[in-house]
Amino acid sequence: MKLTNFLLVILLVTTTSLVSQTIEVDSLHRPRNYHIQVNQFQGYPDSNEDIIFLGNSITAGTNWNELLGLPNARNRGISGDTTFGILERLDEVIEGEPSKVFILIGINDIARNYPDELIISNYEKIISRIKEGSPNTEVFIQSILPVNNTFTRYKNHYNKDEHILAINKELKNLSKTYDVNFIDIHPHFLDKENRLSRKFTEEGLHLNAHAYKNWAKILKPYLN
């Protein structure tokens, strides 16, 4: 094969690969009840004393004001949400210029095979938007929690541990770059095999009441 033909083949393979990666990322995907919940959030009053918990079903799965004993804690978790969904609804989160925002998002991005670099890029946009739109808000990035692949219910979320660890490492670096807080909650939920401990979950992804109590203890120093 001539060198020019060989280079052309390489170019075509590379281009095809890049196109396929772009097609696989459905940035417009939203959970079924996404818009209903966003409309509800938009109807709630805002205050600059609010403490916002922003994320997916893992955030949505508890009553934060009762768990933490904070009447100004606000749950902005939507089951199935991704970093793209957070970006779409971020204006509602920051319009009241809340006191603090605790972010935990990304496991659904990983389950949908979004590239790690894209997830981090979206995180950068989220942080930048908050700092620009609500400069007095204190931002807390929380590391993505582990999963447990000995269960069978959420197969798309399991066996992605290397992505979780890689993204968490980059989130820590990102937090330093943008001068925001990083809370590494991931290690606090691991078993001896470095999986989400069975004492914290019933199906390997979502958290039980014991897990939320554990999470609350981790967050307590950041809530004063």
Protein backbone atom coordinates (compact mmCIF):
# COMPACT_ATOMS: atom_id res chain seq x y z
CA MET A 1 0.00 0.00 0.00
CA LYS A 2 1.36 3.42 -0.91
CA LEU A 3 2.08 5.83 1.92
CA THR A 4 -0.55 8.30 0.72
CA ASN A 5 -3.20 5.57 0.62
CA PHE A 6 -2.15 4.32 4.05
CA LEU A 7 -2.46 7.82 5.53
CA LEU A 8 -5.87 8.19 3.91
CA VAL A 9 -7.06 4.95 5.54
CA ILE A 10 -5.80 6.14 8.94
CA LEU A 11 -7.61 9.47 8.46
CA LEU A 12 -10.86 7.73 7.52
CA VAL A 13 -10.70 5.37 10.50
CA THR A 14 -9.96 8.24 12.87
CA THR A 15 -12.74 10.39 11.44
CA THR A 16 -15.24 7.54 11.58
CA SER A 17 -14.29 6.86 15.20
CA LEU A 18 -14.76 10.50 16.18
CA VAL A 19 -18.12 10.71 14.42
CA SER A 20 -19.38 7.54 16.11
CA GLN A 21 -18.34 8.89 19.51
CA THR A 22 -20.25 12.10 18.83
CA ILE A 23 -23.38 10.23 17.75
CA GLU A 24 -23.33 8.03 20.89
CA VAL A 25 -23.47 11.06 23.19
CA ASP A 26 -27.12 12.08 23.40
CA SER A 27 -26.81 15.41 25.18
CA LEU A 28 -30.57 15.98 24.90
CA HIS A 29 -31.58 12.89 26.87
CA ARG A 30 -33.61 13.79 29.96
CA PRO A 31 -35.34 11.61 32.55
CA ARG A 32 -39.08 11.08 32.07
CA ASN A 33 -40.16 13.43 34.89
CA TYR A 34 -37.34 15.95 34.36
CA HIS A 35 -39.42 18.87 33.07
CA ILE A 36 -42.19 18.33 35.63
CA GLN A 37 -39.70 18.48 38.47
CA VAL A 38 -37.85 21.48 37.03
CA ASN A 39 -41.18 23.34 36.80
CA GLN A 40 -41.85 22.50 40.43
CA PHE A 41 -38.43 23.78 41.47
CA GLN A 42 -39.05 27.00 39.55
CA GLY A 43 -42.23 27.58 41.55
CA TYR A 44 -40.48 27.39 44.93
CA PRO A 45 -39.28 30.58 46.65
CA ASP A 46 -35.55 31.37 46.62
CA SER A 47 -33.34 32.73 49.35
CA ASN A 48 -29.67 33.61 49.61
CA GLU A 49 -29.65 31.50 52.78
CA ASP A 50 -30.56 28.32 50.85
CA ILE A 51 -28.25 25.32 50.92
CA ILE A 52 -28.82 23.48 47.64
CA PHE A 53 -28.19 19.77 47.13
CA LEU A 54 -27.90 19.31 43.38
CA GLY A 55 -27.71 15.99 41.59
CA ASN A 56 -29.50 12.83 40.48
CA SER A 57 -31.49 10.12 42.29
CA ILE A 58 -28.77 9.65 44.90
CA THR A 59 -29.29 13.27 45.97
CA ALA A 60 -33.06 13.04 45.48
CA GLY A 61 -33.31 9.99 47.75
CA THR A 62 -33.47 11.77 51.09
CA ASN A 63 -35.07 14.75 52.80
CA TRP A 64 -32.02 16.92 53.36
CA ASN A 65 -33.54 19.45 55.72
CA GLU A 66 -34.74 16.69 58.05
CA LEU A 67 -31.58 14.60 57.69
CA LEU A 68 -29.33 17.55 58.51
CA GLY A 69 -31.70 19.47 60.76
CA LEU A 70 -31.45 22.48 58.44
CA PRO A 71 -34.71 24.19 57.47
CA ASN A 72 -32.91 26.04 54.65
CA ALA A 73 -31.63 22.84 52.95
CA ARG A 74 -33.15 22.40 49.48
CA ASN A 75 -33.23 19.17 47.47
CA ARG A 76 -32.61 19.68 43.77
CA GLY A 77 -31.98 16.06 42.85
CA ILE A 78 -33.70 14.51 39.81
CA SER A 79 -33.60 10.77 39.29
CA GLY A 80 -31.69 9.83 36.15
CA ASP A 81 -30.16 13.26 35.64
CA THR A 82 -26.78 13.89 34.01
CA THR A 83 -24.32 16.76 33.77
CA PHE A 84 -26.20 17.93 30.65
CA GLY A 85 -29.44 18.05 32.62
CA ILE A 86 -27.76 20.03 35.40
CA LEU A 87 -26.49 22.58 32.87
CA GLU A 88 -29.97 22.97 31.40
CA ARG A 89 -31.61 23.70 34.77
CA LEU A 90 -28.76 25.53 36.47
CA ASP A 91 -30.36 28.98 36.18
CA GLU A 92 -33.12 27.87 38.56
CA VAL A 93 -30.49 26.78 41.07
CA ILE A 94 -28.49 30.01 41.12
CA GLU A 95 -31.17 32.64 40.54
CA GLY A 96 -31.70 33.03 44.29
CA GLU A 97 -27.93 33.26 44.88
CA PRO A 98 -27.90 30.45 47.48
CA SER A 99 -25.42 30.32 50.32
CA LYS A 100 -24.00 26.91 49.35
CA VAL A 101 -24.39 24.36 46.55
CA PHE A 102 -23.39 20.73 47.06
CA ILE A 103 -23.03 18.91 43.73
CA LEU A 104 -23.00 15.16 43.12
CA ILE A 105 -23.52 14.16 39.49
CA GLY A 106 -21.92 11.88 36.92
CA ILE A 107 -22.80 8.24 37.53
CA ASN A 108 -25.60 8.35 34.94
CA ASP A 109 -23.20 9.99 32.46
CA ILE A 110 -20.83 7.08 33.05
CA ALA A 111 -23.66 4.55 32.64
CA ARG A 112 -24.52 6.14 29.29
CA ASN A 113 -20.85 5.83 28.25
CA TYR A 114 -20.20 9.56 27.99
CA PRO A 115 -16.42 10.10 27.67
CA ASP A 116 -14.67 11.07 30.89
CA GLU A 117 -13.31 14.22 29.24
CA LEU A 118 -16.82 15.34 28.32
CA ILE A 119 -18.08 14.83 31.87
CA ILE A 120 -15.21 16.91 33.24
CA SER A 121 -15.83 19.59 30.61
CA ASN A 122 -19.47 19.80 31.71
CA TYR A 123 -18.35 20.09 35.32
CA GLU A 124 -16.14 23.01 34.33
CA LYS A 125 -19.15 24.70 32.73
CA ILE A 126 -21.27 24.07 35.83
CA ILE A 127 -18.67 25.59 38.14
CA SER A 128 -18.07 28.57 35.85
CA ARG A 129 -21.79 29.27 35.53
CA ILE A 130 -22.29 29.23 39.30
CA LYS A 131 -19.30 31.47 39.96
CA GLU A 132 -20.43 33.92 37.29
CA GLY A 133 -24.16 33.92 38.08
CA SER A 134 -23.90 33.72 41.87
CA PRO A 135 -20.39 34.76 42.93
CA ASN A 136 -21.14 34.64 46.67
CA THR A 137 -22.29 31.03 46.55
CA GLU A 138 -19.88 28.54 48.10
CA VAL A 139 -19.49 25.54 45.77
CA PHE A 140 -18.85 22.00 47.00
CA ILE A 141 -17.97 19.25 44.50
CA GLN A 142 -18.50 15.76 45.90
CA SER A 143 -16.74 12.73 44.46
CA ILE A 144 -18.88 10.18 42.62
CA LEU A 145 -19.87 7.30 44.87
CA PRO A 146 -18.85 3.68 44.24
CA VAL A 147 -21.22 1.00 42.94
CA ASN A 148 -21.42 -2.74 43.68
CA ASN A 149 -21.42 -5.15 40.75
CA THR A 150 -22.43 -8.17 42.83
CA PHE A 151 -26.01 -6.98 42.30
CA THR A 152 -27.84 -7.24 38.97
CA ARG A 153 -30.45 -4.48 38.81
CA TYR A 154 -28.43 -1.63 37.25
CA LYS A 155 -26.08 -3.40 34.85
CA ASN A 156 -25.22 -0.24 32.89
CA HIS A 157 -23.87 1.36 36.06
CA TYR A 158 -21.73 -1.54 37.23
CA ASN A 159 -18.13 -2.37 36.27
CA LYS A 160 -17.31 1.26 35.54
CA ASP A 161 -15.04 1.66 38.56
CA GLU A 162 -12.04 2.87 36.55
CA HIS A 163 -14.14 5.71 35.13
CA ILE A 164 -15.45 6.68 38.56
CA LEU A 165 -11.92 6.82 39.96
CA ALA A 166 -10.53 8.71 36.96
CA ILE A 167 -13.28 11.32 37.07
CA ASN A 168 -12.97 11.74 40.84
CA LYS A 169 -9.25 12.40 40.41
CA GLU A 170 -9.98 15.05 37.79
CA LEU A 171 -12.74 16.59 39.93
CA LYS A 172 -10.23 17.06 42.74
CA ASN A 173 -7.85 18.80 40.32
CA LEU A 174 -10.71 20.85 38.89
CA SER A 175 -11.69 22.04 42.35
CA LYS A 176 -8.18 23.35 42.92
CA THR A 177 -8.12 25.07 39.54
CA TYR A 178 -11.42 26.85 40.13
CA ASP A 179 -10.88 27.39 43.87
CA VAL A 180 -13.97 25.49 45.01
CA ASN A 181 -14.36 22.87 47.72
CA PHE A 182 -13.85 19.17 47.05
CA ILE A 183 -15.37 16.58 49.40
CA ASP A 184 -14.11 13.07 48.76
CA ILE A 185 -17.07 11.04 49.99
CA HIS A 186 -16.21 7.99 47.83
CA PRO A 187 -13.87 6.22 50.31
CA HIS A 188 -16.41 6.47 53.13
CA PHE A 189 -18.79 4.04 51.37
CA LEU A 190 -16.38 1.29 50.32
CA ASP A 191 -16.19 -2.32 51.45
CA LYS A 192 -12.96 -4.35 51.63
CA GLU A 193 -13.22 -5.09 47.89
CA ASN A 194 -13.48 -1.36 47.07
CA ARG A 195 -17.16 -1.66 46.12
CA LEU A 196 -20.16 0.17 47.50
CA SER A 197 -20.69 -1.63 50.80
CA ARG A 198 -23.77 -3.84 51.08
CA LYS A 199 -24.56 -2.18 54.40
CA PHE A 200 -25.20 1.05 52.45
CA THR A 201 -27.33 -0.24 49.55
CA GLU A 202 -30.05 -2.69 48.58
CA GLU A 203 -29.18 -2.97 44.86
CA GLY A 204 -25.66 -1.72 44.34
CA LEU A 205 -26.33 1.86 43.23
CA HIS A 206 -28.76 3.79 45.40
CA LEU A 207 -28.31 4.44 49.09
CA ASN A 208 -30.27 3.25 52.10
CA ALA A 209 -31.05 5.14 55.31
CA HIS A 210 -27.80 4.03 56.97
CA ALA A 211 -25.82 5.44 54.03
CA TYR A 212 -27.53 8.82 54.21
CA LYS A 213 -26.73 9.05 57.93
CA ASN A 214 -23.12 8.31 57.07
CA TRP A 215 -23.19 10.99 54.36
CA ALA A 216 -24.68 13.51 56.79
CA LYS A 217 -21.78 12.95 59.22
CA ILE A 218 -19.29 13.63 56.42
CA LEU A 219 -21.02 16.88 55.45
CA LYS A 220 -21.53 18.25 58.97
CA PRO A 221 -18.21 20.19 59.09
CA TYR A 222 -19.07 21.99 55.83
CA LEU A 223 -22.48 23.23 56.91
CA ASN A 224 -21.52 25.80 59.54
